[in-house]
C-alpha atoms as a PDB file:
ATOM      1  CA  MET A   1       2.379  49.429 -38.961  1.00  0.00           C
ATOM      2  CA  ASN A   2       4.085  48.232 -35.769  1.00  0.00           C
ATOM      3  CA  ARG A   3       3.019  44.775 -34.791  1.00  0.00           C
ATOM      4  CA  PHE A   4       3.313  43.431 -31.307  1.00  0.00           C
ATOM      5  CA  SER A   5       5.629  40.432 -31.299  1.00  0.00           C
ATOM      6  CA  PRO A   6       3.832  37.286 -30.076  1.00  0.00           C
ATOM      7  CA  ALA A   7       7.078  36.194 -28.403  1.00  0.00           C
ATOM      8  CA  LEU A   8       6.903  39.218 -26.100  1.00  0.00           C
ATOM      9  CA  ALA A   9       3.349  38.530 -24.936  1.00  0.00           C
ATOM     10  CA  PRO A  10       4.289  36.142 -22.094  1.00  0.00           C
ATOM     11  CA  LEU A  11       6.985  38.549 -20.878  1.00  0.00           C
ATOM     12  CA  LEU A  12       4.569  41.472 -20.928  1.00  0.00           C
ATOM     13  CA  LEU A  13       1.961  39.428 -19.053  1.00  0.00           C
ATOM     14  CA  LEU A  14       4.551  38.404 -16.467  1.00  0.00           C
ATOM     15  CA  LEU A  15       5.626  42.021 -15.938  1.00  0.00           C
ATOM     16  CA  LEU A  16       2.033  43.160 -15.555  1.00  0.00           C
ATOM     17  CA  LEU A  17       1.191  40.452 -13.034  1.00  0.00           C
ATOM     18  CA  ALA A  18       4.393  40.671 -10.961  1.00  0.00           C
ATOM     19  CA  PRO A  19       3.131  43.376  -8.584  1.00  0.00           C
ATOM     20  CA  PHE A  20      -0.051  41.392  -7.936  1.00  0.00           C
ATOM     21  CA  ALA A  21       1.927  38.238  -7.218  1.00  0.00           C
ATOM     22  CA  ALA A  22       4.084  40.074  -4.671  1.00  0.00           C
ATOM     23  CA  GLN A  23       1.040  41.495  -2.924  1.00  0.00           C
ATOM     24  CA  ALA A  24      -0.801  38.195  -3.012  1.00  0.00           C
ATOM     25  CA  GLU A  25       1.972  36.386  -1.146  1.00  0.00           C
ATOM     26  CA  THR A  26       0.475  35.698   2.236  1.00  0.00           C
ATOM     27  CA  LEU A  27       1.821  34.306   5.439  1.00  0.00           C
ATOM     28  CA  THR A  28       0.799  30.664   5.499  1.00  0.00           C
ATOM     29  CA  ASP A  29       0.391  28.468   8.563  1.00  0.00           C
ATOM     30  CA  GLN A  30       3.429  26.477   7.450  1.00  0.00           C
ATOM     31  CA  THR A  31       5.582  29.592   7.007  1.00  0.00           C
ATOM     32  CA  ILE A  32       4.599  30.884  10.439  1.00  0.00           C
ATOM     33  CA  ARG A  33       5.209  27.486  12.071  1.00  0.00           C
ATOM     34  CA  SER A  34       8.598  27.249  10.342  1.00  0.00           C
ATOM     35  CA  PHE A  35       9.549  30.720  11.522  1.00  0.00           C
ATOM     36  CA  ILE A  36       8.533  29.951  15.112  1.00  0.00           C
ATOM     37  CA  SER A  37      10.402  26.648  14.987  1.00  0.00           C
ATOM     38  CA  SER A  38      13.513  28.450  13.731  1.00  0.00           C
ATOM     39  CA  LEU A  39      13.249  30.891  16.653  1.00  0.00           C
ATOM     40  CA  GLU A  40      13.098  27.955  19.075  1.00  0.00           C
ATOM     41  CA  THR A  41      16.244  26.489  17.506  1.00  0.00           C
ATOM     42  CA  LEU A  42      17.984  29.867  17.630  1.00  0.00           C
ATOM     43  CA  GLN A  43      17.133  30.231  21.331  1.00  0.00           C
ATOM     44  CA  GLY A  44      19.774  27.547  21.963  1.00  0.00           C
ATOM     45  CA  MET A  45      22.349  29.791  20.297  1.00  0.00           C
ATOM     46  CA  GLU A  46      21.310  32.925  22.200  1.00  0.00           C
ATOM     47  CA  SER A  47      24.558  33.290  24.182  1.00  0.00           C
ATOM     48  CA  GLU A  48      26.605  33.108  20.962  1.00  0.00           C
ATOM     49  CA  PHE A  49      24.456  35.806  19.363  1.00  0.00           C
ATOM     50  CA  ASP A  50      24.748  37.962  22.488  1.00  0.00           C
ATOM     51  CA  GLU A  51      28.546  37.745  22.299  1.00  0.00           C
ATOM     52  CA  MET A  52      28.472  38.549  18.586  1.00  0.00           C
ATOM     53  CA  THR A  53      26.315  41.665  18.997  1.00  0.00           C
ATOM     54  CA  GLU A  54      29.040  43.223  21.113  1.00  0.00           C
ATOM     55  CA  ASP A  55      31.100  43.363  17.884  1.00  0.00           C
ATOM     56  CA  PHE A  56      28.330  45.128  15.932  1.00  0.00           C
ATOM     57  CA  PRO A  57      28.607  48.830  15.261  1.00  0.00           C
ATOM     58  CA  ALA A  58      25.704  50.646  16.878  1.00  0.00           C
ATOM     59  CA  GLU A  59      22.819  51.515  14.599  1.00  0.00           C
ATOM     60  CA  LYS A  60      21.526  55.073  14.463  1.00  0.00           C
ATOM     61  CA  GLY A  61      18.607  54.132  16.690  1.00  0.00           C
ATOM     62  CA  GLU A  62      20.894  52.665  19.320  1.00  0.00           C
ATOM     63  CA  ARG A  63      23.160  55.700  19.556  1.00  0.00           C
ATOM     64  CA  GLY A  64      20.896  58.690  19.817  1.00  0.00           C
ATOM     65  CA  GLY A  65      18.228  57.356  22.132  1.00  0.00           C
ATOM     66  CA  GLU A  66      15.919  56.758  19.179  1.00  0.00           C
ATOM     67  CA  MET A  67      14.185  53.444  18.702  1.00  0.00           C
ATOM     68  CA  PRO A  68      15.429  51.257  15.847  1.00  0.00           C
ATOM     69  CA  ASP A  69      13.214  50.796  12.786  1.00  0.00           C
ATOM     70  CA  MET A  70      10.743  48.230  14.073  1.00  0.00           C
ATOM     71  CA  SER A  71       9.393  47.542  10.587  1.00  0.00           C
ATOM     72  CA  ARG A  72      12.790  45.991   9.709  1.00  0.00           C
ATOM     73  CA  ILE A  73      13.894  44.605  13.053  1.00  0.00           C
ATOM     74  CA  PHE A  74      14.961  41.216  11.669  1.00  0.00           C
ATOM     75  CA  SER A  75      16.185  42.475   8.278  1.00  0.00           C
ATOM     76  CA  SER A  76      18.424  45.136   9.808  1.00  0.00           C
ATOM     77  CA  SER A  77      19.931  42.542  12.162  1.00  0.00           C
ATOM     78  CA  ILE A  78      20.692  40.218   9.255  1.00  0.00           C
ATOM     79  CA  GLU A  79      22.337  43.062   7.328  1.00  0.00           C
ATOM     80  CA  ARG A  80      24.582  43.756  10.300  1.00  0.00           C
ATOM     81  CA  MET A  81      25.449  40.039  10.686  1.00  0.00           C
ATOM     82  CA  LYS A  82      26.842  39.567   7.200  1.00  0.00           C
ATOM     83  CA  GLY A  83      30.497  38.689   7.277  1.00  0.00           C
ATOM     84  CA  HIS A  84      30.318  37.260  10.796  1.00  0.00           C
ATOM     85  CA  ASP A  85      30.810  33.541  11.452  1.00  0.00           C
ATOM     86  CA  LEU A  86      27.391  33.198  13.046  1.00  0.00           C
ATOM     87  CA  TYR A  87      25.720  34.416   9.843  1.00  0.00           C
ATOM     88  CA  ASN A  88      26.625  31.025   8.330  1.00  0.00           C
ATOM     89  CA  ARG A  89      25.213  29.207  11.362  1.00  0.00           C
ATOM     90  CA  LEU A  90      22.007  31.242  11.101  1.00  0.00           C
ATOM     91  CA  GLU A  91      21.859  30.463   7.392  1.00  0.00           C
ATOM     92  CA  ASP A  92      22.030  26.736   8.150  1.00  0.00           C
ATOM     93  CA  VAL A  93      19.234  26.997  10.729  1.00  0.00           C
ATOM     94  CA  VAL A  94      16.847  28.991   8.558  1.00  0.00           C
ATOM     95  CA  GLU A  95      17.470  26.759   5.532  1.00  0.00           C
ATOM     96  CA  GLN A  96      16.718  23.689   7.689  1.00  0.00           C
ATOM     97  CA  HIS A  97      13.384  25.335   8.472  1.00  0.00           C
ATOM     98  CA  GLY A  98      12.503  25.851   4.814  1.00  0.00           C
ATOM     99  CA  PHE A  99      13.660  29.408   4.134  1.00  0.00           C
ATOM    100  CA  ALA A 100      15.732  30.147   1.032  1.00  0.00           C
ATOM    101  CA  ASN A 101      18.227  32.320   2.913  1.00  0.00           C
ATOM    102  CA  PRO A 102      18.542  34.560   5.987  1.00  0.00           C
ATOM    103  CA  GLU A 103      17.179  37.550   4.065  1.00  0.00           C
ATOM    104  CA  SER A 104      13.896  35.814   3.174  1.00  0.00           C
ATOM    105  CA  TRP A 105      13.664  34.539   6.761  1.00  0.00           C
ATOM    106  CA  ALA A 106      14.211  38.078   8.049  1.00  0.00           C
ATOM    107  CA  LYS A 107      11.542  39.556   5.763  1.00  0.00           C
ATOM    108  CA  THR A 108       9.104  36.942   7.054  1.00  0.00           C
ATOM    109  CA  GLY A 109      10.135  37.819  10.603  1.00  0.00           C
ATOM    110  CA  ASP A 110       9.551  41.517   9.940  1.00  0.00           C
ATOM    111  CA  ARG A 111       6.030  40.776   8.705  1.00  0.00           C
ATOM    112  CA  ILE A 112       5.280  38.447  11.626  1.00  0.00           C
ATOM    113  CA  PHE A 113       6.597  40.983  14.142  1.00  0.00           C
ATOM    114  CA  GLN A 114       4.529  43.766  12.545  1.00  0.00           C
ATOM    115  CA  ALA A 115       1.353  41.657  12.606  1.00  0.00           C
ATOM    116  CA  TRP A 116       2.087  40.505  16.161  1.00  0.00           C
ATOM    117  CA  SER A 117       2.583  44.078  17.335  1.00  0.00           C
ATOM    118  CA  ALA A 118      -0.688  45.099  15.692  1.00  0.00           C
ATOM    119  CA  LEU A 119      -2.557  42.242  17.354  1.00  0.00           C
ATOM    120  CA  GLU A 120      -1.011  42.919  20.756  1.00  0.00           C
ATOM    121  CA  MET A 121      -1.904  46.600  20.543  1.00  0.00           C
ATOM    122  CA  GLY A 122      -5.345  45.793  19.197  1.00  0.00           C
ATOM    123  CA  GLU A 123      -7.989  47.802  20.949  1.00  0.00           C
ATOM    124  CA  GLN A 124      -5.402  49.471  23.169  1.00  0.00           C
ATOM    125  CA  SER A 125      -4.123  51.659  20.322  1.00  0.00           C
ATOM    126  CA  ASN A 126      -6.486  54.587  21.047  1.00  0.00           C
ATOM    127  CA  THR A 127      -5.568  54.541  24.731  1.00  0.00           C
ATOM    128  CA  MET A 128      -1.873  54.258  23.877  1.00  0.00           C
ATOM    129  CA  ASN A 129      -2.108  57.195  21.454  1.00  0.00           C
ATOM    130  CA  GLN A 130      -3.767  59.311  24.142  1.00  0.00           C
ATOM    131  CA  GLU A 131      -1.117  58.337  26.701  1.00  0.00           C
ATOM    132  CA  MET A 132       1.665  59.156  24.241  1.00  0.00           C
ATOM    133  CA  ALA A 133       0.135  62.564  23.485  1.00  0.00           C
ATOM    134  CA  LYS A 134      -0.189  63.254  27.217  1.00  0.00           C
ATOM    135  CA  ALA A 135       3.424  62.202  27.848  1.00  0.00           C
ATOM    136  CA  MET A 136       4.607  64.413  24.971  1.00  0.00           C
ATOM    137  CA  GLU A 137       2.716  67.363  26.450  1.00  0.00           C
ATOM    138  CA  GLU A 138       4.280  66.723  29.877  1.00  0.00           C
ATOM    139  CA  ILE A 139       7.738  66.625  28.304  1.00  0.00           C
ATOM    140  CA  ASN A 140       7.162  69.899  26.445  1.00  0.00           C
ATOM    141  CA  ASN A 141       5.838  71.647  29.565  1.00  0.00           C
ATOM    142  CA  ASN A 142       8.410  70.308  32.043  1.00  0.00           C
ATOM    143  CA  PRO A 143      10.310  73.295  33.472  1.00  0.00           C
ATOM    144  CA  HIS A 144      12.984  71.028  35.015  1.00  0.00           C
ATOM    145  CA  MET A 145      14.286  69.713  31.685  1.00  0.00           C
ATOM    146  CA  SER A 146      16.667  71.457  29.336  1.00  0.00           C
ATOM    147  CA  GLU A 147      15.714  71.836  25.692  1.00  0.00           C
ATOM    148  CA  ALA A 148      18.297  69.163  24.802  1.00  0.00           C
ATOM    149  CA  GLN A 149      16.732  66.733  27.294  1.00  0.00           C
ATOM    150  CA  LYS A 150      13.281  67.515  25.938  1.00  0.00           C
ATOM    151  CA  GLN A 151      14.478  66.878  22.388  1.00  0.00           C
ATOM    152  CA  GLN A 152      15.996  63.546  23.394  1.00  0.00           C
ATOM    153  CA  MET A 153      12.713  62.528  25.029  1.00  0.00           C
ATOM    154  CA  ARG A 154      10.766  63.704  21.951  1.00  0.00           C
ATOM    155  CA  ASP A 155      13.034  61.597  19.735  1.00  0.00           C
ATOM    156  CA  MET A 156      12.440  58.508  21.881  1.00  0.00           C
ATOM    157  CA  MET A 157       8.692  59.133  21.947  1.00  0.00           C
ATOM    158  CA  GLY A 158       8.738  59.697  18.195  1.00  0.00           C
ATOM    159  CA  GLY A 159      10.378  56.303  17.745  1.00  0.00           C
ATOM    160  CA  ALA A 160       7.713  54.657  19.882  1.00  0.00           C
ATOM    161  CA  MET A 161       4.973  56.429  17.965  1.00  0.00           C
ATOM    162  CA  SER A 162       6.581  55.356  14.686  1.00  0.00           C
ATOM    163  CA  ALA A 163       6.674  51.746  15.900  1.00  0.00           C
ATOM    164  CA  MET A 164       2.978  51.949  16.764  1.00  0.00           C
ATOM    165  CA  GLU A 165       2.197  53.406  13.343  1.00  0.00           C
ATOM    166  CA  THR A 166       4.190  50.652  11.630  1.00  0.00           C
ATOM    167  CA  ALA A 167       2.280  48.011  13.570  1.00  0.00           C
ATOM    168  CA  SER A 168      -1.051  49.598  12.728  1.00  0.00           C
ATOM    169  CA  ASN A 169      -0.202  49.252   9.019  1.00  0.00           C
ATOM    170  CA  ALA A 170       0.106  45.458   9.221  1.00  0.00           C
ATOM    171  CA  PRO A 171      -1.975  43.780   6.510  1.00  0.00           C
ATOM    172  CA  GLU A 172      -5.217  42.245   7.778  1.00  0.00           C
ATOM    173  CA  ALA A 173      -4.334  38.962   6.042  1.00  0.00           C
ATOM    174  CA  ASP A 174      -1.070  38.760   8.023  1.00  0.00           C
ATOM    175  CA  LYS A 175      -2.885  39.432  11.300  1.00  0.00           C
ATOM    176  CA  ARG A 176      -5.506  36.776  10.514  1.00  0.00           C
ATOM    177  CA  ALA A 177      -2.816  34.250   9.593  1.00  0.00           C
ATOM    178  CA  LEU A 178      -0.815  34.948  12.754  1.00  0.00           C
ATOM    179  CA  ARG A 179      -3.666  35.003  15.276  1.00  0.00           C
ATOM    180  CA  PRO A 180      -3.806  31.186  15.807  1.00  0.00           C
ATOM    181  CA  HIS A 181      -0.043  31.119  16.427  1.00  0.00           C
ATOM    182  CA  LEU A 182       0.236  33.830  19.084  1.00  0.00           C
ATOM    183  CA  ASP A 183       0.735  31.471  22.030  1.00  0.00           C
ATOM    184  CA  ALA A 184       3.460  29.549  20.190  1.00  0.00           C
ATOM    185  CA  LEU A 185       5.152  32.798  19.169  1.00  0.00           C
ATOM    186  CA  ARG A 186       5.050  34.118  22.739  1.00  0.00           C
ATOM    187  CA  ALA A 187       6.505  30.845  24.025  1.00  0.00           C
ATOM    188  CA  ALA A 188       9.298  30.891  21.416  1.00  0.00           C
ATOM    189  CA  THR A 189      10.303  34.441  22.313  1.00  0.00           C
ATOM    190  CA  ASP A 190       9.921  34.151  26.074  1.00  0.00           C
ATOM    191  CA  SER A 191      13.296  35.177  27.478  1.00  0.00           C
ATOM    192  CA  ASP A 192      12.534  33.644  30.891  1.00  0.00           C
ATOM    193  CA  ARG A 193      12.765  30.084  29.573  1.00  0.00           C
END
């Protein structure tokens, strides 16, 4: 008879509960405030980041007229930054704001951006979907565009539609957590400051 080792019980329990723990992790007020505060600090370094991005190889979405993957907008930027001097500066900033590393900061940013997009679209999503469908129909029926031009426009529209779909999949808990912070988030990302 095979007996279950009592020493393995805690490990088995941990493995069974791990997926629930990952799902249960919510955006807290403190995490959101820390993220916004880090963005405000990074605004002061904006010109350095602009100079650095000139050195980045273009992502697929930036070359072919497609939109980049909006569900990973921060994470993909961090991946591209690795090995650059400013990655270390970013690491210092995000750690000062309570994040373990740039990758965890970026994942939080991805979630915040997704929830923010969902909230901003809100009730407008049906209207936006209708407008996108109408624009796609106009592209397909335009006799003054070549098939290559039409395909390029379809690709761009597909990227926009994908971004809208990604936003619409934002967890309700993330949207609820972010709602009280929208004004602060808008102020931190306002490029006219």
